């Protein structure tokens, strides 16, 4: 949250957040960043990396992940509603929060979160995937995973 706020203020032409014309707009952006970093992100970890919560691997997947999925459902329902006018978090303007949602949605759905009830978030994901910057970043991700695998350092989510 602090780094994204700093990047936005240091490089305003990058368009990481919409221009805050009033102080209330800036406060809302801070609240949105806090929501993702303090609510969405920790819940993603419970789903994608449950072993961080219980040392017994089998137990973490039997107990922590299902509880994480249960906790994530109302969070993603709120996100789904927020995207209803869409297509992005701030309507017609892409922001770094859209990148954060892209990451979170990918992590939870690849490890078992059901996506059937979230057409706006699925549309958001498709639109994000169509962005050239996302395509470049995902290509680098594939390359980096290959390097980590070759060095025996990669552990895929399961």
N, C-alpha and C. Protein backbone atom coordinates (compact mmCIF):
# COMPACT_ATOMS: atom_id res chain seq x y z
N UNK A 1 0.82 -1.18 0.00
CA UNK A 1 0.00 0.00 0.00
C UNK A 1 0.88 1.25 0.00
N UNK A 2 1.88 1.27 0.88
CA UNK A 2 2.76 2.44 0.95
C UNK A 2 3.54 2.60 -0.34
N UNK A 3 4.04 1.50 -0.90
CA UNK A 3 4.84 1.59 -2.12
C UNK A 3 3.97 2.05 -3.28
N UNK A 4 2.77 1.51 -3.41
CA UNK A 4 1.89 1.93 -4.50
C UNK A 4 1.50 3.41 -4.38
N UNK A 5 1.26 3.86 -3.16
CA UNK A 5 0.94 5.27 -2.94
C UNK A 5 2.13 6.14 -3.32
N UNK A 6 3.33 5.72 -2.91
CA UNK A 6 4.54 6.47 -3.24
C UNK A 6 4.76 6.50 -4.76
N UNK A 7 4.64 5.33 -5.41
CA UNK A 7 4.81 5.29 -6.87
C UNK A 7 3.82 6.20 -7.57
N UNK A 8 2.59 6.19 -7.13
CA UNK A 8 1.57 7.03 -7.74
C UNK A 8 1.90 8.52 -7.59
N UNK A 9 2.36 8.92 -6.41
CA UNK A 9 2.67 10.34 -6.21
C UNK A 9 3.99 10.74 -6.88
N UNK A 10 4.93 9.81 -6.98
CA UNK A 10 6.23 10.11 -7.58
C UNK A 10 6.16 10.10 -9.11
N UNK A 11 5.32 9.23 -9.66
CA UNK A 11 5.20 9.10 -11.12
C UNK A 11 3.74 9.26 -11.53
N UNK A 12 3.19 10.45 -11.40
CA UNK A 12 1.76 10.64 -11.69
C UNK A 12 1.39 10.34 -13.14
N UNK A 13 2.33 10.52 -14.07
CA UNK A 13 2.04 10.25 -15.48
C UNK A 13 1.87 8.76 -15.78
N UNK A 14 2.28 7.90 -14.84
CA UNK A 14 2.13 6.45 -15.05
C UNK A 14 0.67 6.03 -14.96
N UNK A 15 -0.18 6.85 -14.36
CA UNK A 15 -1.61 6.55 -14.30
C UNK A 15 -1.93 5.36 -13.41
N UNK A 16 -1.21 5.19 -12.31
CA UNK A 16 -1.48 4.06 -11.43
C UNK A 16 -2.82 4.20 -10.71
N UNK A 17 -3.20 5.42 -10.42
CA UNK A 17 -4.50 5.72 -9.82
C UNK A 17 -5.06 6.94 -10.55
N UNK A 18 -6.39 7.05 -10.61
CA UNK A 18 -6.95 8.25 -11.23
C UNK A 18 -6.52 9.50 -10.47
N UNK A 19 -6.45 10.60 -11.18
CA UNK A 19 -6.10 11.88 -10.56
C UNK A 19 -7.14 12.20 -9.49
N UNK A 20 -6.69 12.37 -8.26
CA UNK A 20 -7.59 12.73 -7.16
C UNK A 20 -7.76 14.24 -7.15
N UNK A 21 -8.92 14.69 -7.60
CA UNK A 21 -9.17 16.13 -7.69
C UNK A 21 -9.63 16.73 -6.36
N UNK A 22 -10.13 15.88 -5.47
CA UNK A 22 -10.56 16.34 -4.15
C UNK A 22 -9.91 15.44 -3.10
N UNK A 23 -9.77 15.96 -1.90
CA UNK A 23 -9.12 15.19 -0.84
C UNK A 23 -9.90 13.91 -0.54
N UNK A 24 -11.23 13.94 -0.67
CA UNK A 24 -12.02 12.74 -0.43
C UNK A 24 -11.69 11.64 -1.44
N UNK A 25 -11.39 12.03 -2.69
CA UNK A 25 -10.99 11.04 -3.69
C UNK A 25 -9.70 10.34 -3.27
N UNK A 26 -8.74 11.09 -2.77
CA UNK A 26 -7.48 10.51 -2.32
C UNK A 26 -7.70 9.57 -1.14
N UNK A 27 -8.59 9.95 -0.24
CA UNK A 27 -8.89 9.10 0.91
C UNK A 27 -9.56 7.81 0.45
N UNK A 28 -10.44 7.89 -0.50
CA UNK A 28 -11.09 6.68 -1.03
C UNK A 28 -10.08 5.76 -1.70
N UNK A 29 -9.13 6.34 -2.40
CA UNK A 29 -8.09 5.52 -3.02
C UNK A 29 -7.25 4.83 -1.95
N UNK A 30 -6.93 5.53 -0.89
CA UNK A 30 -6.19 4.92 0.21
C UNK A 30 -7.00 3.79 0.83
N UNK A 31 -8.30 4.00 1.00
CA UNK A 31 -9.17 2.95 1.53
C UNK A 31 -9.20 1.74 0.60
N UNK A 32 -9.24 1.98 -0.70
CA UNK A 32 -9.25 0.87 -1.66
C UNK A 32 -7.93 0.09 -1.60
N UNK A 33 -6.82 0.80 -1.52
CA UNK A 33 -5.52 0.12 -1.39
C UNK A 33 -5.46 -0.68 -0.09
N UNK A 34 -5.99 -0.11 0.98
CA UNK A 34 -6.01 -0.83 2.27
C UNK A 34 -6.88 -2.07 2.18
N UNK A 35 -8.01 -1.98 1.50
CA UNK A 35 -8.89 -3.13 1.33
C UNK A 35 -8.15 -4.27 0.64
N UNK A 36 -7.44 -3.97 -0.43
CA UNK A 36 -6.72 -5.03 -1.13
C UNK A 36 -5.56 -5.58 -0.31
N UNK A 37 -4.80 -4.70 0.33
CA UNK A 37 -3.63 -5.19 1.06
C UNK A 37 -3.97 -5.84 2.38
N UNK A 38 -5.04 -5.42 3.04
CA UNK A 38 -5.35 -5.94 4.37
C UNK A 38 -6.49 -6.95 4.41
N UNK A 39 -7.28 -7.02 3.35
CA UNK A 39 -8.41 -7.95 3.32
C UNK A 39 -8.24 -8.99 2.23
N UNK A 40 -8.11 -8.54 0.99
CA UNK A 40 -8.01 -9.47 -0.14
C UNK A 40 -6.73 -10.29 -0.06
N UNK A 41 -5.59 -9.62 0.05
CA UNK A 41 -4.30 -10.30 -0.02
C UNK A 41 -4.13 -11.39 1.06
N UNK A 42 -4.43 -11.10 2.33
CA UNK A 42 -4.28 -12.17 3.33
C UNK A 42 -5.23 -13.35 3.10
N UNK A 43 -6.40 -13.07 2.56
CA UNK A 43 -7.34 -14.16 2.29
C UNK A 43 -6.86 -14.99 1.11
N UNK A 44 -6.24 -14.35 0.12
CA UNK A 44 -5.62 -15.09 -0.99
C UNK A 44 -4.58 -16.06 -0.43
N UNK A 45 -3.79 -15.60 0.52
CA UNK A 45 -2.75 -16.45 1.09
C UNK A 45 -3.34 -17.69 1.76
N UNK A 46 -4.47 -17.54 2.41
CA UNK A 46 -5.12 -18.70 3.05
C UNK A 46 -5.54 -19.73 2.01
N UNK A 47 -5.91 -19.27 0.83
CA UNK A 47 -6.34 -20.19 -0.23
C UNK A 47 -5.14 -20.75 -0.99
N UNK A 48 -4.24 -19.87 -1.40
CA UNK A 48 -3.14 -20.28 -2.28
C UNK A 48 -1.96 -20.90 -1.53
N UNK A 49 -1.77 -20.52 -0.28
CA UNK A 49 -0.62 -21.03 0.47
C UNK A 49 -1.03 -21.41 1.89
N UNK A 50 -1.97 -22.33 2.02
CA UNK A 50 -2.46 -22.67 3.36
C UNK A 50 -1.41 -23.27 4.28
N UNK A 51 -0.34 -23.78 3.71
CA UNK A 51 0.73 -24.38 4.51
C UNK A 51 1.39 -23.34 5.42
N UNK A 52 1.23 -22.07 5.12
CA UNK A 52 1.77 -21.01 5.97
C UNK A 52 1.06 -20.93 7.32
N UNK A 53 -0.10 -21.56 7.41
CA UNK A 53 -0.91 -21.44 8.62
C UNK A 53 -0.88 -22.67 9.51
N UNK A 54 -0.69 -23.83 8.90
CA UNK A 54 -0.59 -25.09 9.65
C UNK A 54 0.57 -25.87 9.04
N UNK A 55 1.52 -26.25 9.85
CA UNK A 55 2.72 -26.93 9.35
C UNK A 55 2.40 -28.26 8.67
N UNK A 56 1.38 -28.95 9.15
CA UNK A 56 0.98 -30.23 8.55
C UNK A 56 0.32 -29.94 7.20
N UNK A 57 1.00 -30.30 6.12
CA UNK A 57 0.52 -29.99 4.78
C UNK A 57 -0.89 -30.47 4.50
N UNK A 58 -1.17 -31.72 4.83
CA UNK A 58 -2.50 -32.27 4.56
C UNK A 58 -3.57 -31.50 5.32
N UNK A 59 -3.30 -31.22 6.58
CA UNK A 59 -4.27 -30.48 7.39
C UNK A 59 -4.49 -29.07 6.86
N UNK A 60 -3.43 -28.44 6.36
CA UNK A 60 -3.59 -27.08 5.86
C UNK A 60 -4.53 -27.05 4.67
N UNK A 61 -4.45 -28.08 3.81
CA UNK A 61 -5.32 -28.12 2.65
C UNK A 61 -6.74 -28.56 3.01
N UNK A 62 -6.89 -29.32 4.08
CA UNK A 62 -8.22 -29.79 4.51
C UNK A 62 -8.94 -28.76 5.37
N UNK A 63 -8.20 -27.92 6.09
CA UNK A 63 -8.82 -26.99 7.03
C UNK A 63 -8.69 -25.54 6.57
N UNK A 64 -7.47 -25.09 6.32
CA UNK A 64 -7.24 -23.68 6.04
C UNK A 64 -7.81 -23.25 4.69
N UNK A 65 -7.52 -24.00 3.62
CA UNK A 65 -8.00 -23.61 2.30
C UNK A 65 -9.52 -23.52 2.25
N UNK A 66 -10.28 -24.52 2.71
CA UNK A 66 -11.74 -24.37 2.67
C UNK A 66 -12.24 -23.16 3.46
N UNK A 67 -11.61 -22.88 4.60
CA UNK A 67 -12.01 -21.69 5.38
C UNK A 67 -11.65 -20.41 4.62
N UNK A 68 -10.53 -20.42 3.92
CA UNK A 68 -10.15 -19.28 3.10
C UNK A 68 -11.13 -19.04 1.97
N UNK A 69 -11.54 -20.13 1.31
CA UNK A 69 -12.53 -20.01 0.24
C UNK A 69 -13.84 -19.47 0.79
N UNK A 70 -14.25 -19.97 1.93
CA UNK A 70 -15.47 -19.49 2.58
C UNK A 70 -15.37 -18.00 2.91
N UNK A 71 -14.23 -17.57 3.41
CA UNK A 71 -14.03 -16.16 3.74
C UNK A 71 -13.94 -15.28 2.49
N UNK A 72 -13.43 -15.84 1.40
CA UNK A 72 -13.25 -15.06 0.17
C UNK A 72 -14.56 -14.81 -0.57
N UNK A 73 -15.50 -15.71 -0.44
CA UNK A 73 -16.74 -15.57 -1.21
C UNK A 73 -17.42 -14.20 -0.99
N UNK A 74 -17.66 -13.74 0.25
CA UNK A 74 -18.30 -12.43 0.40
C UNK A 74 -17.40 -11.27 -0.05
N UNK A 75 -16.09 -11.46 0.04
CA UNK A 75 -15.17 -10.42 -0.43
C UNK A 75 -15.31 -10.27 -1.94
N UNK A 76 -15.28 -11.40 -2.65
CA UNK A 76 -15.38 -11.34 -4.10
C UNK A 76 -16.79 -10.95 -4.55
N UNK A 77 -17.79 -11.24 -3.74
CA UNK A 77 -19.14 -10.76 -4.06
C UNK A 77 -19.16 -9.24 -4.04
N UNK A 78 -18.49 -8.64 -3.07
CA UNK A 78 -18.40 -7.18 -3.00
C UNK A 78 -17.62 -6.64 -4.21
N UNK A 79 -16.52 -7.30 -4.57
CA UNK A 79 -15.74 -6.88 -5.73
C UNK A 79 -16.59 -7.01 -7.00
N UNK A 80 -17.31 -8.10 -7.11
CA UNK A 80 -18.20 -8.32 -8.26
C UNK A 80 -19.17 -7.16 -8.42
N UNK A 81 -19.77 -6.74 -7.32
CA UNK A 81 -20.71 -5.62 -7.35
C UNK A 81 -20.00 -4.32 -7.71
N UNK A 82 -18.81 -4.13 -7.20
CA UNK A 82 -18.05 -2.92 -7.49
C UNK A 82 -17.75 -2.82 -8.98
N UNK A 83 -17.53 -3.95 -9.64
CA UNK A 83 -17.21 -3.96 -11.07
C UNK A 83 -18.45 -3.91 -11.95
N UNK A 84 -19.63 -3.89 -11.36
CA UNK A 84 -20.86 -3.95 -12.16
C UNK A 84 -20.93 -2.84 -13.20
N UNK A 85 -20.67 -1.58 -12.84
CA UNK A 85 -20.68 -0.60 -13.92
C UNK A 85 -19.45 -0.73 -14.81
N UNK A 86 -18.35 -1.20 -14.25
CA UNK A 86 -17.08 -1.54 -14.88
C UNK A 86 -16.67 -0.63 -16.02
N UNK A 87 -15.72 -1.11 -16.74
CA UNK A 87 -15.14 -2.44 -16.64
C UNK A 87 -14.02 -2.57 -15.60
N UNK A 88 -13.49 -1.42 -15.13
CA UNK A 88 -12.37 -1.44 -14.22
C UNK A 88 -12.81 -1.02 -12.81
N UNK A 89 -11.90 -1.11 -11.85
CA UNK A 89 -12.20 -0.75 -10.47
C UNK A 89 -12.74 0.67 -10.37
N UNK A 90 -12.15 1.58 -11.13
CA UNK A 90 -12.61 2.97 -11.14
C UNK A 90 -13.39 3.27 -12.42
N UNK A 91 -14.25 2.36 -12.82
CA UNK A 91 -15.10 2.60 -14.00
C UNK A 91 -14.35 2.43 -15.29
N UNK A 92 -14.21 3.51 -16.03
CA UNK A 92 -13.55 3.45 -17.34
C UNK A 92 -12.04 3.57 -17.25
N UNK A 93 -11.51 3.82 -16.07
CA UNK A 93 -10.08 4.09 -15.91
C UNK A 93 -9.37 2.91 -15.25
N UNK A 94 -8.41 2.32 -15.97
CA UNK A 94 -7.60 1.25 -15.40
C UNK A 94 -6.74 1.84 -14.29
N UNK A 95 -6.49 1.05 -13.24
CA UNK A 95 -5.62 1.49 -12.15
C UNK A 95 -4.82 0.30 -11.63
N UNK A 96 -3.90 0.61 -10.73
CA UNK A 96 -3.08 -0.44 -10.12
C UNK A 96 -3.96 -1.41 -9.32
N UNK A 97 -5.13 -0.98 -8.89
CA UNK A 97 -6.04 -1.89 -8.19
C UNK A 97 -6.55 -2.98 -9.13
N UNK A 98 -6.64 -2.67 -10.40
CA UNK A 98 -7.02 -3.69 -11.38
C UNK A 98 -5.91 -4.73 -11.52
N UNK A 99 -4.68 -4.29 -11.43
CA UNK A 99 -3.56 -5.24 -11.45
C UNK A 99 -3.58 -6.11 -10.20
N UNK A 100 -3.89 -5.51 -9.07
CA UNK A 100 -3.96 -6.26 -7.80
C UNK A 100 -5.08 -7.30 -7.89
N UNK A 101 -6.23 -6.90 -8.42
CA UNK A 101 -7.34 -7.85 -8.57
C UNK A 101 -6.97 -8.96 -9.55
N UNK A 102 -6.31 -8.62 -10.63
CA UNK A 102 -5.87 -9.61 -11.61
C UNK A 102 -5.01 -10.68 -10.93
N UNK A 103 -4.05 -10.23 -10.13
CA UNK A 103 -3.18 -11.17 -9.40
C UNK A 103 -3.99 -12.02 -8.43
N UNK A 104 -4.82 -11.38 -7.63
CA UNK A 104 -5.59 -12.10 -6.60
C UNK A 104 -6.52 -13.14 -7.24
N UNK A 105 -7.24 -12.75 -8.26
CA UNK A 105 -8.18 -13.66 -8.91
C UNK A 105 -7.45 -14.86 -9.52
N UNK A 106 -6.32 -14.61 -10.15
CA UNK A 106 -5.54 -15.70 -10.72
C UNK A 106 -5.07 -16.68 -9.65
N UNK A 107 -4.58 -16.16 -8.55
CA UNK A 107 -4.08 -17.03 -7.47
C UNK A 107 -5.19 -17.88 -6.87
N UNK A 108 -6.36 -17.29 -6.63
CA UNK A 108 -7.41 -18.07 -5.96
C UNK A 108 -8.09 -19.05 -6.90
N UNK A 109 -8.29 -18.67 -8.15
CA UNK A 109 -8.98 -19.59 -9.06
C UNK A 109 -8.08 -20.74 -9.49
N UNK A 110 -6.77 -20.52 -9.54
CA UNK A 110 -5.88 -21.63 -9.93
C UNK A 110 -5.72 -22.64 -8.81
N UNK A 111 -6.18 -22.30 -7.62
CA UNK A 111 -6.05 -23.23 -6.50
C UNK A 111 -7.40 -23.62 -5.91
N UNK A 112 -8.47 -23.46 -6.68
CA UNK A 112 -9.72 -24.05 -6.26
C UNK A 112 -10.89 -23.14 -5.96
N UNK A 113 -10.72 -21.82 -6.00
CA UNK A 113 -11.86 -20.95 -5.74
C UNK A 113 -12.81 -21.01 -6.93
N UNK A 114 -14.11 -21.29 -6.68
CA UNK A 114 -15.07 -21.38 -7.80
C UNK A 114 -15.39 -20.00 -8.37
N UNK A 115 -15.35 -19.90 -9.70
CA UNK A 115 -15.55 -18.59 -10.32
C UNK A 115 -16.91 -18.42 -10.99
N UNK A 116 -17.79 -19.39 -10.87
CA UNK A 116 -19.06 -19.38 -11.58
C UNK A 116 -19.95 -18.17 -11.28
N UNK A 117 -19.95 -17.70 -10.06
CA UNK A 117 -20.86 -16.63 -9.66
C UNK A 117 -20.29 -15.23 -9.85
N UNK A 118 -19.23 -15.10 -10.63
CA UNK A 118 -18.53 -13.83 -10.71
C UNK A 118 -18.25 -13.41 -12.17
N UNK A 119 -19.30 -13.18 -12.97
CA UNK A 119 -19.07 -12.84 -14.38
C UNK A 119 -18.34 -11.52 -14.58
N UNK A 120 -18.56 -10.54 -13.71
CA UNK A 120 -17.85 -9.27 -13.87
C UNK A 120 -16.36 -9.43 -13.62
N UNK A 121 -16.01 -10.24 -12.63
CA UNK A 121 -14.58 -10.46 -12.36
C UNK A 121 -13.96 -11.29 -13.47
N UNK A 122 -14.69 -12.26 -14.00
CA UNK A 122 -14.16 -13.04 -15.14
C UNK A 122 -13.95 -12.13 -16.35
N UNK A 123 -14.90 -11.22 -16.61
CA UNK A 123 -14.75 -10.26 -17.71
C UNK A 123 -13.53 -9.37 -17.46
N UNK A 124 -13.37 -8.93 -16.21
CA UNK A 124 -12.22 -8.11 -15.84
C UNK A 124 -10.92 -8.86 -16.13
N UNK A 125 -10.88 -10.13 -15.80
CA UNK A 125 -9.70 -10.95 -16.04
C UNK A 125 -9.40 -11.05 -17.53
N UNK A 126 -10.43 -11.27 -18.33
CA UNK A 126 -10.25 -11.36 -19.79
C UNK A 126 -9.74 -10.04 -20.36
N UNK A 127 -10.31 -8.93 -19.91
CA UNK A 127 -9.88 -7.63 -20.39
C UNK A 127 -8.43 -7.36 -19.96
N UNK A 128 -8.10 -7.76 -18.74
CA UNK A 128 -6.73 -7.57 -18.27
C UNK A 128 -5.76 -8.40 -19.11
N UNK A 129 -6.12 -9.64 -19.40
CA UNK A 129 -5.27 -10.51 -20.22
C UNK A 129 -5.03 -9.94 -21.61
N UNK A 130 -5.96 -9.12 -22.10
CA UNK A 130 -5.82 -8.53 -23.43
C UNK A 130 -4.87 -7.33 -23.46
N UNK A 131 -4.53 -6.82 -22.29
CA UNK A 131 -3.65 -5.65 -22.22
C UNK A 131 -2.21 -6.07 -22.57
N UNK A 132 -1.55 -5.33 -23.47
CA UNK A 132 -0.17 -5.68 -23.85
C UNK A 132 0.78 -5.74 -22.65
N UNK A 133 0.62 -4.85 -21.69
CA UNK A 133 1.52 -4.86 -20.52
C UNK A 133 1.34 -6.15 -19.72
N UNK A 134 0.12 -6.63 -19.62
CA UNK A 134 -0.14 -7.88 -18.90
C UNK A 134 0.47 -9.05 -19.67
N UNK A 135 0.32 -9.04 -20.98
CA UNK A 135 0.90 -10.11 -21.78
C UNK A 135 2.42 -10.15 -21.63
N UNK A 136 3.06 -8.97 -21.61
CA UNK A 136 4.52 -8.94 -21.41
C UNK A 136 4.89 -9.45 -20.01
N UNK A 137 4.14 -9.01 -19.01
CA UNK A 137 4.44 -9.44 -17.63
C UNK A 137 4.24 -10.94 -17.47
N UNK A 138 3.19 -11.48 -18.06
CA UNK A 138 2.93 -12.92 -17.93
C UNK A 138 3.98 -13.74 -18.68
N UNK A 139 4.48 -13.22 -19.79
CA UNK A 139 5.55 -13.91 -20.51
C UNK A 139 6.82 -13.94 -19.65
N UNK A 140 7.12 -12.82 -18.97
CA UNK A 140 8.28 -12.81 -18.06
C UNK A 140 8.06 -13.78 -16.91
N UNK A 141 6.83 -13.88 -16.44
CA UNK A 141 6.53 -14.81 -15.34
C UNK A 141 6.85 -16.25 -15.77
N UNK A 142 6.44 -16.63 -16.97
CA UNK A 142 6.73 -17.97 -17.48
C UNK A 142 8.24 -18.21 -17.53
N UNK A 143 8.98 -17.21 -18.02
CA UNK A 143 10.44 -17.34 -18.08
C UNK A 143 11.04 -17.48 -16.68
N UNK A 144 10.57 -16.68 -15.75
CA UNK A 144 11.11 -16.72 -14.39
C UNK A 144 10.79 -18.05 -13.70
N UNK A 145 9.60 -18.58 -13.93
CA UNK A 145 9.24 -19.87 -13.35
C UNK A 145 10.15 -20.96 -13.91
N UNK A 146 10.44 -20.89 -15.20
CA UNK A 146 11.33 -21.88 -15.81
C UNK A 146 12.72 -21.83 -15.17
N UNK A 147 13.23 -20.65 -14.90
CA UNK A 147 14.53 -20.52 -14.24
C UNK A 147 14.47 -21.12 -12.83
N UNK A 148 13.44 -20.77 -12.09
CA UNK A 148 13.30 -21.31 -10.73
C UNK A 148 13.16 -22.82 -10.74
N UNK A 149 12.39 -23.35 -11.69
CA UNK A 149 12.25 -24.81 -11.80
C UNK A 149 13.60 -25.47 -12.09
N UNK A 150 14.37 -24.87 -13.00
CA UNK A 150 15.66 -25.43 -13.35
C UNK A 150 16.62 -25.44 -12.16
N UNK A 151 16.44 -24.50 -11.26
CA UNK A 151 17.29 -24.42 -10.06
C UNK A 151 16.68 -25.16 -8.87
N UNK A 152 15.53 -25.80 -9.09
CA UNK A 152 14.88 -26.54 -8.02
C UNK A 152 14.28 -25.65 -6.93
N UNK A 153 13.95 -24.43 -7.29
CA UNK A 153 13.46 -23.47 -6.30
C UNK A 153 11.98 -23.12 -6.45
N UNK A 154 11.34 -23.67 -7.46
CA UNK A 154 9.94 -23.30 -7.69
C UNK A 154 9.00 -24.29 -7.01
N UNK A 155 8.02 -23.74 -6.32
CA UNK A 155 6.98 -24.57 -5.73
C UNK A 155 5.65 -24.04 -6.23
N UNK A 156 5.01 -24.82 -7.08
CA UNK A 156 3.75 -24.40 -7.69
C UNK A 156 2.62 -24.49 -6.68
N UNK A 157 1.67 -23.56 -6.76
CA UNK A 157 0.48 -23.70 -5.92
C UNK A 157 -0.25 -24.98 -6.29
N UNK A 158 -0.89 -25.60 -5.31
CA UNK A 158 -1.67 -26.81 -5.63
C UNK A 158 -3.02 -26.74 -4.99
